[in-house]
């Protein structure tokens, strides 16, 4: 199954992002077999980081949750909220799949 994960940063922990960025990227690279797409979100008002989105293939929401909890950003409290939603892809690259 595919899941979309909406990650919102905790603004009071913003200093954690640059400190742990390399660890986070290294961790995400380990997930590339399951991770379909991922990237940061930016607040259009401030231009600052706001969180991220992951599209991930997993057997259950619990499996996704465990992946997120192993992320260095999660471990240092950068994540204010995490929302895991099951997703059915209908279109990709300008085509119906």
C-alpha atoms as a PDB file:
ATOM      1  CA  UNK A   1       0.000   0.000   0.000  1.00  0.00           C
ATOM      2  CA  UNK A   2       1.023   3.581  -0.547  1.00  0.00           C
ATOM      3  CA  UNK A   3       0.968   6.139   2.223  1.00  0.00           C
ATOM      4  CA  UNK A   4       1.396   9.888   2.180  1.00  0.00           C
ATOM      5  CA  UNK A   5       3.024  11.240   5.313  1.00  0.00           C
ATOM      6  CA  UNK A   6       2.577  14.903   6.187  1.00  0.00           C
ATOM      7  CA  UNK A   7       5.287  16.058   8.575  1.00  0.00           C
ATOM      8  CA  UNK A   8       4.978  19.384  10.371  1.00  0.00           C
ATOM      9  CA  UNK A   9       7.998  20.882  12.127  1.00  0.00           C
ATOM     10  CA  UNK A  10       7.933  22.208  15.666  1.00  0.00           C
ATOM     11  CA  UNK A  11       8.991  25.872  15.219  1.00  0.00           C
ATOM     12  CA  UNK A  12      10.665  26.025  18.640  1.00  0.00           C
ATOM     13  CA  UNK A  13      13.019  23.211  17.527  1.00  0.00           C
ATOM     14  CA  UNK A  14      14.054  24.813  14.213  1.00  0.00           C
ATOM     15  CA  UNK A  15      17.733  24.799  15.230  1.00  0.00           C
ATOM     16  CA  UNK A  16      17.623  20.989  15.195  1.00  0.00           C
ATOM     17  CA  UNK A  17      17.167  20.820  11.415  1.00  0.00           C
ATOM     18  CA  UNK A  18      20.663  21.982  10.325  1.00  0.00           C
ATOM     19  CA  UNK A  19      22.328  20.120  13.209  1.00  0.00           C
ATOM     20  CA  UNK A  20      20.798  16.786  12.187  1.00  0.00           C
ATOM     21  CA  UNK A  21      20.308  17.271   8.430  1.00  0.00           C
ATOM     22  CA  UNK A  22      23.157  14.940   7.372  1.00  0.00           C
ATOM     23  CA  UNK A  23      21.932  12.148   9.684  1.00  0.00           C
ATOM     24  CA  UNK A  24      18.365  12.616   8.419  1.00  0.00           C
ATOM     25  CA  UNK A  25      19.407  12.429   4.746  1.00  0.00           C
ATOM     26  CA  UNK A  26      21.527   9.331   5.404  1.00  0.00           C
ATOM     27  CA  UNK A  27      18.554   7.688   7.114  1.00  0.00           C
ATOM     28  CA  UNK A  28      16.151   8.603   4.292  1.00  0.00           C
ATOM     29  CA  UNK A  29      18.581   7.152   1.756  1.00  0.00           C
ATOM     30  CA  UNK A  30      18.324   3.805   3.575  1.00  0.00           C
ATOM     31  CA  UNK A  31      14.564   3.852   2.903  1.00  0.00           C
ATOM     32  CA  UNK A  32      14.867   4.325  -0.866  1.00  0.00           C
ATOM     33  CA  UNK A  33      13.502   0.853  -1.598  1.00  0.00           C
ATOM     34  CA  UNK A  34      10.232   1.778   0.090  1.00  0.00           C
ATOM     35  CA  UNK A  35      10.299   5.550  -0.203  1.00  0.00           C
ATOM     36  CA  UNK A  36       8.746   6.617  -3.492  1.00  0.00           C
ATOM     37  CA  UNK A  37       9.167  10.356  -3.031  1.00  0.00           C
ATOM     38  CA  UNK A  38      10.143  12.774  -0.283  1.00  0.00           C
ATOM     39  CA  UNK A  39      11.070  16.373   0.241  1.00  0.00           C
ATOM     40  CA  UNK A  40      10.878  19.390   2.509  1.00  0.00           C
ATOM     41  CA  UNK A  41       8.031  21.865   2.803  1.00  0.00           C
ATOM     42  CA  UNK A  42       8.637  25.609   3.037  1.00  0.00           C
ATOM     43  CA  UNK A  43       6.399  28.208   4.646  1.00  0.00           C
ATOM     44  CA  UNK A  44       5.548  30.629   1.805  1.00  0.00           C
ATOM     45  CA  UNK A  45       5.159  33.530   4.253  1.00  0.00           C
ATOM     46  CA  UNK A  46       8.525  33.193   5.957  1.00  0.00           C
ATOM     47  CA  UNK A  47      10.521  31.141   3.479  1.00  0.00           C
ATOM     48  CA  UNK A  48      11.580  28.932   6.377  1.00  0.00           C
ATOM     49  CA  UNK A  49      11.282  25.172   6.749  1.00  0.00           C
ATOM     50  CA  UNK A  50       7.843  23.869   7.663  1.00  0.00           C
ATOM     51  CA  UNK A  51       8.170  20.069   7.557  1.00  0.00           C
ATOM     52  CA  UNK A  52       8.078  17.544   4.764  1.00  0.00           C
ATOM     53  CA  UNK A  53       6.121  15.034   2.714  1.00  0.00           C
ATOM     54  CA  UNK A  54       6.956  11.381   2.201  1.00  0.00           C
ATOM     55  CA  UNK A  55       5.222   8.970  -0.157  1.00  0.00           C
ATOM     56  CA  UNK A  56       6.109   5.535   1.071  1.00  0.00           C
ATOM     57  CA  UNK A  57       5.192   1.948   0.271  1.00  0.00           C
ATOM     58  CA  UNK A  58       4.544  -0.188   3.330  1.00  0.00           C
ATOM     59  CA  UNK A  59       2.398  -3.019   4.588  1.00  0.00           C
ATOM     60  CA  UNK A  60       0.622  -1.006   7.272  1.00  0.00           C
ATOM     61  CA  UNK A  61       0.422   2.391   8.959  1.00  0.00           C
ATOM     62  CA  UNK A  62       2.292   0.870  11.921  1.00  0.00           C
ATOM     63  CA  UNK A  63       5.226   0.024   9.644  1.00  0.00           C
ATOM     64  CA  UNK A  64       5.277   3.629   8.413  1.00  0.00           C
ATOM     65  CA  UNK A  65       5.132   4.907  12.000  1.00  0.00           C
ATOM     66  CA  UNK A  66       8.157   2.798  12.951  1.00  0.00           C
ATOM     67  CA  UNK A  67      10.114   4.201   9.994  1.00  0.00           C
ATOM     68  CA  UNK A  68       9.264   7.724  11.068  1.00  0.00           C
ATOM     69  CA  UNK A  69      10.234   7.083  14.688  1.00  0.00           C
ATOM     70  CA  UNK A  70      13.691   5.921  13.546  1.00  0.00           C
ATOM     71  CA  UNK A  71      14.284   9.218  11.687  1.00  0.00           C
ATOM     72  CA  UNK A  72      16.840  11.446  13.461  1.00  0.00           C
ATOM     73  CA  UNK A  73      14.499  14.439  13.054  1.00  0.00           C
ATOM     74  CA  UNK A  74      11.818  12.560  15.002  1.00  0.00           C
ATOM     75  CA  UNK A  75      14.252  11.485  17.710  1.00  0.00           C
ATOM     76  CA  UNK A  76      15.347  15.074  18.467  1.00  0.00           C
ATOM     77  CA  UNK A  77      11.760  16.350  18.642  1.00  0.00           C
ATOM     78  CA  UNK A  78      11.728  18.338  15.394  1.00  0.00           C
ATOM     79  CA  UNK A  79       8.376  16.907  14.347  1.00  0.00           C
ATOM     80  CA  UNK A  80       5.372  18.765  15.761  1.00  0.00           C
ATOM     81  CA  UNK A  81       2.896  16.470  14.067  1.00  0.00           C
ATOM     82  CA  UNK A  82       2.839  13.486  11.768  1.00  0.00           C
ATOM     83  CA  UNK A  83      -0.154  12.446   9.720  1.00  0.00           C
ATOM     84  CA  UNK A  84      -0.141   9.106   7.905  1.00  0.00           C
ATOM     85  CA  UNK A  85      -2.750   8.719   5.169  1.00  0.00           C
ATOM     86  CA  UNK A  86      -3.361   5.769   2.872  1.00  0.00           C
ATOM     87  CA  UNK A  87      -3.167   6.883  -0.769  1.00  0.00           C
ATOM     88  CA  UNK A  88      -4.367   5.447  -4.060  1.00  0.00           C
ATOM     89  CA  UNK A  89      -2.376   6.882  -6.946  1.00  0.00           C
ATOM     90  CA  UNK A  90      -4.533   7.594  -9.986  1.00  0.00           C
ATOM     91  CA  UNK A  91      -2.270   9.896 -12.011  1.00  0.00           C
ATOM     92  CA  UNK A  92       1.511  10.096 -12.436  1.00  0.00           C
ATOM     93  CA  UNK A  93       3.708  12.011 -14.842  1.00  0.00           C
ATOM     94  CA  UNK A  94       0.720  13.477 -16.659  1.00  0.00           C
ATOM     95  CA  UNK A  95      -0.901  10.079 -17.250  1.00  0.00           C
ATOM     96  CA  UNK A  96      -3.523   7.928 -15.635  1.00  0.00           C
ATOM     97  CA  UNK A  97      -1.891   4.877 -14.026  1.00  0.00           C
END
